């Protein structure tokens, strides 16, 4: 794995962070500094390792010391999390959230009405 491919991986993750999380900045390291808290701990740890590897890949002597398998694993974990949803999946998720909220509200209202009727002695 060359230094350029590691830089391409870091660039791809930075693009996905901007597209999915709306985080601005130059490069992966700055985007992690600005919006890393929006990522789960595991993904953030892998993204930080990838940013560190990107910085070390720019130095030819340090390039030979990098763990290329771990870099590939970190890239895969980050891409798997940041890969944007399709439009239909996004609509389905929004609809499911609305239905769940409505059902929860109706259930809570029903329980409160039954408790009120029991308290007042009608049931």
Protein backbone atom coordinates (compact mmCIF):
# COMPACT_ATOMS: atom_id res chain seq x y z
CA UNK A 1 0.00 0.00 0.00
CA UNK A 2 1.47 3.31 -1.02
CA UNK A 3 1.29 6.65 0.71
CA UNK A 4 -1.00 7.97 -2.00
CA UNK A 5 -3.58 5.23 -1.40
CA UNK A 6 -3.57 5.93 2.34
CA UNK A 7 -4.13 9.61 1.56
CA UNK A 8 -6.97 8.66 -0.79
CA UNK A 9 -8.57 6.56 1.96
CA UNK A 10 -8.35 9.45 4.42
CA UNK A 11 -9.76 11.81 1.80
CA UNK A 12 -12.69 9.47 1.13
CA UNK A 13 -13.52 9.26 4.84
CA UNK A 14 -13.30 13.06 5.09
CA UNK A 15 -15.73 13.38 2.14
CA UNK A 16 -18.15 10.93 3.72
CA UNK A 17 -18.00 12.82 7.03
CA UNK A 18 -18.84 16.03 5.23
CA UNK A 19 -21.69 14.43 3.28
CA UNK A 20 -23.24 12.44 6.12
CA UNK A 21 -22.48 14.55 9.21
CA UNK A 22 -22.20 18.01 7.59
CA UNK A 23 -18.75 18.60 9.12
CA UNK A 24 -16.61 21.20 7.35
CA UNK A 25 -12.85 21.42 7.39
CA UNK A 26 -9.68 20.62 5.50
CA UNK A 27 -8.64 17.02 5.78
CA UNK A 28 -9.65 14.18 8.02
CA UNK A 29 -7.75 15.35 11.11
CA UNK A 30 -9.51 18.71 11.22
CA UNK A 31 -12.92 17.16 10.61
CA UNK A 32 -12.33 14.73 13.45
CA UNK A 33 -11.31 17.60 15.71
CA UNK A 34 -14.47 19.54 14.83
CA UNK A 35 -17.05 16.77 14.73
CA UNK A 36 -15.53 13.58 16.04
CA UNK A 37 -18.00 13.58 18.93
CA UNK A 38 -20.78 12.73 16.46
CA UNK A 39 -19.16 9.38 15.68
CA UNK A 40 -19.45 6.27 17.84
CA UNK A 41 -16.35 5.56 19.93
CA UNK A 42 -15.21 2.59 17.82
CA UNK A 43 -15.56 4.46 14.53
CA UNK A 44 -13.89 7.56 15.98
CA UNK A 45 -10.93 5.48 17.18
CA UNK A 46 -10.49 3.94 13.73
CA UNK A 47 -10.85 7.33 12.01
CA UNK A 48 -8.23 8.84 14.33
CA UNK A 49 -5.86 5.98 13.50
CA UNK A 50 -6.47 6.58 9.79
CA UNK A 51 -5.77 10.32 10.21
CA UNK A 52 -2.55 9.53 12.07
CA UNK A 53 -1.53 7.05 9.37
CA UNK A 54 -2.29 9.69 6.73
CA UNK A 55 0.05 12.13 8.44
CA UNK A 56 2.77 9.48 8.78
CA UNK A 57 2.35 8.34 5.16
CA UNK A 58 3.55 11.73 3.98
CA UNK A 59 7.00 10.95 5.45
CA UNK A 60 8.73 8.24 3.38
CA UNK A 61 10.69 6.78 6.31
CA UNK A 62 7.57 6.37 8.40
CA UNK A 63 5.62 4.81 5.54
CA UNK A 64 7.43 1.51 5.95
CA UNK A 65 6.46 1.28 9.63
CA UNK A 66 2.71 1.53 9.06
CA UNK A 67 0.42 -1.44 9.69
CA UNK A 68 -1.37 -1.71 6.36
CA UNK A 69 -3.84 -4.35 7.53
CA UNK A 70 -4.96 -2.17 10.40
CA UNK A 71 -5.29 0.81 8.06
CA UNK A 72 -7.49 -1.24 5.71
CA UNK A 73 -9.60 -2.40 8.66
CA UNK A 74 -9.98 1.17 9.94
CA UNK A 75 -11.03 2.33 6.48
CA UNK A 76 -13.62 -0.47 6.18
CA UNK A 77 -15.12 0.32 9.61
CA UNK A 78 -15.37 4.02 8.80
CA UNK A 79 -16.89 3.48 5.36
CA UNK A 80 -19.40 0.98 6.71
CA UNK A 81 -20.65 3.52 9.26
CA UNK A 82 -20.50 6.64 7.10
CA UNK A 83 -21.95 5.16 3.93
CA UNK A 84 -25.03 7.28 3.26
CA UNK A 85 -28.48 5.73 3.20
CA UNK A 86 -30.45 5.61 -0.01
CA UNK A 87 -33.46 7.87 -0.46
CA UNK A 88 -36.00 5.07 -0.01
CA UNK A 89 -34.32 3.77 3.15
CA UNK A 90 -34.23 7.30 4.55
CA UNK A 91 -37.96 7.79 3.84
CA UNK A 92 -38.76 4.43 5.41
CA UNK A 93 -36.80 5.32 8.54
CA UNK A 94 -38.60 8.68 8.86
CA UNK A 95 -42.00 7.03 8.42
CA UNK A 96 -41.15 4.35 10.97
CA UNK A 97 -40.06 7.03 13.45
CA UNK A 98 -43.34 8.91 12.97
CA UNK A 99 -45.47 5.78 13.41
CA UNK A 100 -43.51 4.75 16.51
CA UNK A 101 -43.95 8.19 18.07
CA UNK A 102 -47.68 8.20 17.30
CA UNK A 103 -48.17 4.69 18.74
CA UNK A 104 -46.24 5.61 21.90
CA UNK A 105 -48.36 8.74 22.37
CA UNK A 106 -51.62 6.84 21.91
CA UNK A 107 -50.52 4.11 24.32
CA UNK A 108 -49.50 6.62 26.99
CA UNK A 109 -52.79 8.52 26.58
CA UNK A 110 -54.79 5.29 26.89
CA UNK A 111 -52.94 4.27 30.05
CA UNK A 112 -53.54 7.70 31.58
CA UNK A 113 -57.27 7.59 30.73
CA UNK A 114 -57.62 4.12 32.31
CA UNK A 115 -55.74 5.24 35.42
CA UNK A 116 -57.96 8.33 35.68
CA UNK A 117 -61.12 6.21 35.35
CA UNK A 118 -59.83 3.80 38.01
CA UNK A 119 -58.93 6.66 40.36
CA UNK A 120 -62.33 8.32 39.93
CA UNK A 121 -64.13 5.01 40.55
CA UNK A 122 -65.72 4.50 37.14
CA UNK A 123 -63.91 1.19 36.55
